[in-house]
Amino acid sequence: MSDSDPGKDNDWIARRAYFHWEQEGRPHGRDGDHWHAALLDWQMLQAASDRTIDNAGQRVAEAQASAIEDSLACGARPARRQPPRLVKAVKAPKG
């Protein structure tokens, strides 16, 4: 990814690079190394997040398929949504 990638959180990376700089005792002239380490941290977290989202989507799809199979195995038909019932407003009598 390039530094101008709109999906990249440069603020987070900058804060993480500052953290690395402080952890190393604030050495002079190593800003590029700290930025690179922070970028690798960000990329690792993004990859883990993407895997988590993909796995969650797969588990949801499997659960839905299993629920449909279970309902069909029991002889039940898949539930159909009923349209909402309208309730007529009743006015209070005058008087």
N, C-alpha and C. Protein backbone atom coordinates (compact mmCIF):
# COMPACT_ATOMS: atom_id res chain seq x y z
N MET A 1 0.83 -1.18 0.00
CA MET A 1 0.00 0.00 0.00
C MET A 1 0.87 1.24 0.00
N SER A 2 0.42 2.25 -0.66
CA SER A 2 1.16 3.49 -0.68
C SER A 2 0.72 4.37 0.48
N ASP A 3 1.53 5.39 0.80
CA ASP A 3 1.17 6.30 1.89
C ASP A 3 -0.08 7.09 1.59
N SER A 4 -0.45 7.23 0.31
CA SER A 4 -1.63 8.01 -0.05
C SER A 4 -2.89 7.15 -0.15
N ASP A 5 -2.80 5.89 0.22
CA ASP A 5 -3.95 4.98 0.17
C ASP A 5 -5.04 5.52 1.08
N PRO A 6 -6.25 5.79 0.54
CA PRO A 6 -7.30 6.36 1.37
C PRO A 6 -7.80 5.42 2.45
N GLY A 7 -7.59 4.11 2.31
CA GLY A 7 -8.04 3.16 3.31
C GLY A 7 -7.09 3.04 4.49
N LYS A 8 -5.92 3.62 4.38
CA LYS A 8 -4.92 3.49 5.43
C LYS A 8 -5.12 4.59 6.47
N ASP A 9 -5.02 4.22 7.72
CA ASP A 9 -5.21 5.16 8.82
C ASP A 9 -3.85 5.75 9.21
N ASN A 10 -3.46 6.81 8.51
CA ASN A 10 -2.15 7.42 8.75
C ASN A 10 -2.02 7.99 10.16
N ASP A 11 -3.13 8.45 10.75
CA ASP A 11 -3.07 8.96 12.12
C ASP A 11 -2.71 7.84 13.09
N TRP A 12 -3.35 6.67 12.93
CA TRP A 12 -3.05 5.54 13.79
C TRP A 12 -1.59 5.12 13.63
N ILE A 13 -1.13 5.08 12.37
CA ILE A 13 0.24 4.66 12.09
C ILE A 13 1.23 5.66 12.70
N ALA A 14 0.93 6.94 12.60
CA ALA A 14 1.81 7.96 13.18
C ALA A 14 1.88 7.81 14.70
N ARG A 15 0.74 7.58 15.34
CA ARG A 15 0.75 7.39 16.79
C ARG A 15 1.52 6.13 17.18
N ARG A 16 1.37 5.08 16.38
CA ARG A 16 2.08 3.84 16.65
C ARG A 16 3.59 4.03 16.44
N ALA A 17 3.98 4.77 15.41
CA ALA A 17 5.40 5.06 15.17
C ALA A 17 5.98 5.84 16.35
N TYR A 18 5.21 6.80 16.87
CA TYR A 18 5.64 7.57 18.03
C TYR A 18 5.83 6.64 19.23
N PHE A 19 4.91 5.69 19.39
CA PHE A 19 5.03 4.71 20.47
C PHE A 19 6.34 3.92 20.33
N HIS A 20 6.64 3.45 19.11
CA HIS A 20 7.88 2.70 18.88
C HIS A 20 9.09 3.57 19.20
N TRP A 21 9.05 4.84 18.81
CA TRP A 21 10.14 5.77 19.06
C TRP A 21 10.37 5.93 20.57
N GLU A 22 9.28 6.10 21.31
CA GLU A 22 9.41 6.25 22.75
C GLU A 22 9.91 4.96 23.41
N GLN A 23 9.42 3.80 22.92
CA GLN A 23 9.85 2.52 23.49
C GLN A 23 11.35 2.29 23.30
N GLU A 24 11.91 2.85 22.23
CA GLU A 24 13.34 2.67 21.97
C GLU A 24 14.18 3.77 22.61
N GLY A 25 13.58 4.60 23.44
CA GLY A 25 14.35 5.64 24.14
C GLY A 25 14.51 6.92 23.34
N ARG A 26 13.63 7.16 22.39
CA ARG A 26 13.61 8.39 21.57
C ARG A 26 14.93 8.63 20.81
N PRO A 27 15.38 7.61 20.07
CA PRO A 27 16.64 7.79 19.34
C PRO A 27 16.47 8.75 18.16
N HIS A 28 17.54 9.42 17.80
CA HIS A 28 17.51 10.36 16.69
C HIS A 28 17.78 9.61 15.37
N GLY A 29 17.04 10.00 14.30
CA GLY A 29 17.32 9.50 12.96
C GLY A 29 16.73 8.14 12.62
N ARG A 30 15.80 7.64 13.42
CA ARG A 30 15.23 6.33 13.14
C ARG A 30 13.74 6.42 12.81
N ASP A 31 13.29 7.59 12.40
CA ASP A 31 11.86 7.79 12.15
C ASP A 31 11.34 6.87 11.06
N GLY A 32 12.13 6.62 10.02
CA GLY A 32 11.71 5.73 8.95
C GLY A 32 11.51 4.31 9.45
N ASP A 33 12.40 3.86 10.32
CA ASP A 33 12.27 2.51 10.89
C ASP A 33 11.01 2.40 11.74
N HIS A 34 10.73 3.45 12.53
CA HIS A 34 9.55 3.42 13.39
C HIS A 34 8.27 3.47 12.56
N TRP A 35 8.30 4.26 11.50
CA TRP A 35 7.13 4.33 10.63
C TRP A 35 6.88 2.97 9.97
N HIS A 36 7.94 2.34 9.50
CA HIS A 36 7.80 1.04 8.84
C HIS A 36 7.27 -0.01 9.83
N ALA A 37 7.79 -0.01 11.05
CA ALA A 37 7.31 -0.96 12.06
C ALA A 37 5.83 -0.72 12.36
N ALA A 38 5.44 0.55 12.45
CA ALA A 38 4.04 0.89 12.72
C ALA A 38 3.16 0.47 11.54
N LEU A 39 3.65 0.67 10.32
CA LEU A 39 2.89 0.26 9.14
C LEU A 39 2.68 -1.26 9.12
N LEU A 40 3.71 -2.00 9.48
CA LEU A 40 3.57 -3.47 9.56
C LEU A 40 2.55 -3.86 10.62
N ASP A 41 2.56 -3.15 11.76
CA ASP A 41 1.56 -3.41 12.80
C ASP A 41 0.16 -3.17 12.26
N TRP A 42 -0.03 -2.07 11.56
CA TRP A 42 -1.34 -1.73 11.01
C TRP A 42 -1.80 -2.77 9.99
N GLN A 43 -0.88 -3.19 9.12
CA GLN A 43 -1.23 -4.18 8.11
C GLN A 43 -1.60 -5.52 8.75
N MET A 44 -0.88 -5.89 9.81
CA MET A 44 -1.19 -7.14 10.51
C MET A 44 -2.59 -7.05 11.14
N LEU A 45 -2.91 -5.93 11.76
CA LEU A 45 -4.23 -5.78 12.37
C LEU A 45 -5.33 -5.77 11.32
N GLN A 46 -5.09 -5.14 10.19
CA GLN A 46 -6.09 -5.12 9.12
C GLN A 46 -6.33 -6.52 8.56
N ALA A 47 -5.26 -7.29 8.39
CA ALA A 47 -5.41 -8.65 7.89
C ALA A 47 -6.19 -9.51 8.88
N ALA A 48 -5.91 -9.35 10.17
CA ALA A 48 -6.64 -10.10 11.18
C ALA A 48 -8.11 -9.69 11.19
N SER A 49 -8.38 -8.42 11.04
CA SER A 49 -9.75 -7.93 11.00
C SER A 49 -10.49 -8.49 9.79
N ASP A 50 -9.84 -8.48 8.64
CA ASP A 50 -10.45 -9.02 7.42
C ASP A 50 -10.78 -10.51 7.58
N ARG A 51 -9.84 -11.26 8.18
CA ARG A 51 -10.09 -12.69 8.40
C ARG A 51 -11.27 -12.90 9.34
N THR A 52 -11.35 -12.09 10.38
CA THR A 52 -12.44 -12.21 11.35
C THR A 52 -13.78 -11.94 10.67
N ILE A 53 -13.83 -10.91 9.85
CA ILE A 53 -15.07 -10.56 9.14
C ILE A 53 -15.46 -11.68 8.18
N ASP A 54 -14.50 -12.20 7.44
CA ASP A 54 -14.77 -13.29 6.51
C ASP A 54 -15.28 -14.54 7.25
N ASN A 55 -14.62 -14.88 8.36
CA ASN A 55 -15.03 -16.05 9.13
C ASN A 55 -16.42 -15.86 9.71
N ALA A 56 -16.72 -14.67 10.19
CA ALA A 56 -18.05 -14.42 10.75
C ALA A 56 -19.12 -14.56 9.68
N GLY A 57 -18.86 -14.02 8.51
CA GLY A 57 -19.82 -14.14 7.41
C GLY A 57 -20.05 -15.59 7.03
N GLN A 58 -18.99 -16.37 7.02
CA GLN A 58 -19.11 -17.79 6.68
C GLN A 58 -19.92 -18.52 7.76
N ARG A 59 -19.66 -18.21 9.04
CA ARG A 59 -20.40 -18.87 10.12
C ARG A 59 -21.88 -18.50 10.09
N VAL A 60 -22.20 -17.26 9.75
CA VAL A 60 -23.60 -16.85 9.66
C VAL A 60 -24.29 -17.61 8.52
N ALA A 61 -23.63 -17.69 7.37
CA ALA A 61 -24.21 -18.41 6.23
C ALA A 61 -24.42 -19.88 6.57
N GLU A 62 -23.45 -20.50 7.26
CA GLU A 62 -23.61 -21.91 7.65
C GLU A 62 -24.75 -22.08 8.64
N ALA A 63 -24.89 -21.16 9.58
CA ALA A 63 -25.97 -21.25 10.57
C ALA A 63 -27.33 -21.10 9.89
N GLN A 64 -27.43 -20.18 8.94
CA GLN A 64 -28.69 -19.99 8.23
C GLN A 64 -29.04 -21.24 7.43
N ALA A 65 -28.06 -21.81 6.75
CA ALA A 65 -28.31 -23.03 5.97
C ALA A 65 -28.71 -24.17 6.89
N SER A 66 -28.07 -24.29 8.03
CA SER A 66 -28.40 -25.34 8.98
C SER A 66 -29.81 -25.16 9.53
N ALA A 67 -30.20 -23.92 9.82
CA ALA A 67 -31.54 -23.66 10.34
C ALA A 67 -32.60 -24.02 9.31
N ILE A 68 -32.34 -23.73 8.05
CA ILE A 68 -33.28 -24.09 6.99
C ILE A 68 -33.38 -25.60 6.86
N GLU A 69 -32.23 -26.28 6.88
CA GLU A 69 -32.23 -27.74 6.80
C GLU A 69 -32.98 -28.35 7.98
N ASP A 70 -32.77 -27.82 9.19
CA ASP A 70 -33.45 -28.34 10.38
C ASP A 70 -34.96 -28.15 10.28
N SER A 71 -35.37 -27.00 9.80
CA SER A 71 -36.81 -26.76 9.72
C SER A 71 -37.45 -27.64 8.65
N LEU A 72 -36.74 -27.91 7.56
CA LEU A 72 -37.27 -28.79 6.52
C LEU A 72 -37.28 -30.24 6.98
N ALA A 73 -36.29 -30.63 7.77
CA ALA A 73 -36.22 -32.00 8.27
C ALA A 73 -37.35 -32.29 9.25
N CYS A 74 -37.82 -31.27 9.95
CA CYS A 74 -38.92 -31.44 10.91
C CYS A 74 -40.28 -31.36 10.22
N GLY A 75 -40.29 -31.15 8.93
CA GLY A 75 -41.54 -31.04 8.18
C GLY A 75 -42.14 -29.64 8.21
N ALA A 76 -41.45 -28.75 8.83
CA ALA A 76 -41.97 -27.37 8.89
C ALA A 76 -41.62 -26.64 7.61
N ARG A 77 -42.49 -25.76 7.24
CA ARG A 77 -42.18 -24.92 6.09
C ARG A 77 -41.40 -23.71 6.57
N PRO A 78 -40.52 -23.18 5.73
CA PRO A 78 -39.81 -21.95 6.13
C PRO A 78 -40.83 -20.86 6.44
N ALA A 79 -40.54 -20.11 7.48
CA ALA A 79 -41.47 -19.06 7.92
C ALA A 79 -41.61 -18.00 6.85
N ARG A 80 -42.87 -17.59 6.64
CA ARG A 80 -43.13 -16.49 5.72
C ARG A 80 -43.51 -15.29 6.55
N ARG A 81 -43.05 -14.17 6.14
CA ARG A 81 -43.37 -12.95 6.86
C ARG A 81 -44.79 -12.52 6.53
N GLN A 82 -45.52 -12.22 7.55
CA GLN A 82 -46.88 -11.71 7.38
C GLN A 82 -46.82 -10.20 7.26
N PRO A 83 -47.66 -9.64 6.39
CA PRO A 83 -47.67 -8.18 6.29
C PRO A 83 -48.21 -7.59 7.59
N PRO A 84 -47.77 -6.40 7.95
CA PRO A 84 -48.25 -5.80 9.19
C PRO A 84 -49.74 -5.52 9.10
N ARG A 85 -50.43 -5.73 10.21
CA ARG A 85 -51.87 -5.47 10.26
C ARG A 85 -52.09 -4.01 10.62
N LEU A 86 -53.01 -3.42 9.92
CA LEU A 86 -53.35 -2.03 10.19
C LEU A 86 -54.43 -1.98 11.26
N VAL A 87 -54.27 -1.07 12.17
CA VAL A 87 -55.24 -0.90 13.24
C VAL A 87 -55.94 0.42 13.02
N LYS A 88 -57.26 0.39 13.00
CA LYS A 88 -58.03 1.59 12.77
C LYS A 88 -58.11 2.39 14.06
N ALA A 89 -57.83 3.66 13.96
CA ALA A 89 -57.89 4.53 15.14
C ALA A 89 -59.35 4.76 15.51
N VAL A 90 -59.60 4.72 16.79
CA VAL A 90 -60.97 4.92 17.30
C VAL A 90 -60.98 6.23 18.08
N LYS A 91 -61.95 7.09 17.74
CA LYS A 91 -62.06 8.36 18.45
C LYS A 91 -62.91 8.17 19.68
N ALA A 92 -62.53 8.87 20.74
CA ALA A 92 -63.32 8.82 21.97
C ALA A 92 -64.61 9.61 21.78
N PRO A 93 -65.71 9.13 22.35
CA PRO A 93 -66.97 9.85 22.19
C PRO A 93 -66.93 11.21 22.89
N LYS A 94 -67.63 12.15 22.31
CA LYS A 94 -67.68 13.49 22.90
C LYS A 94 -68.69 13.50 24.03
N GLY A 95 -68.34 14.20 25.02
CA GLY A 95 -69.35 14.40 25.90
C GLY A 95 -69.52 14.25 27.24
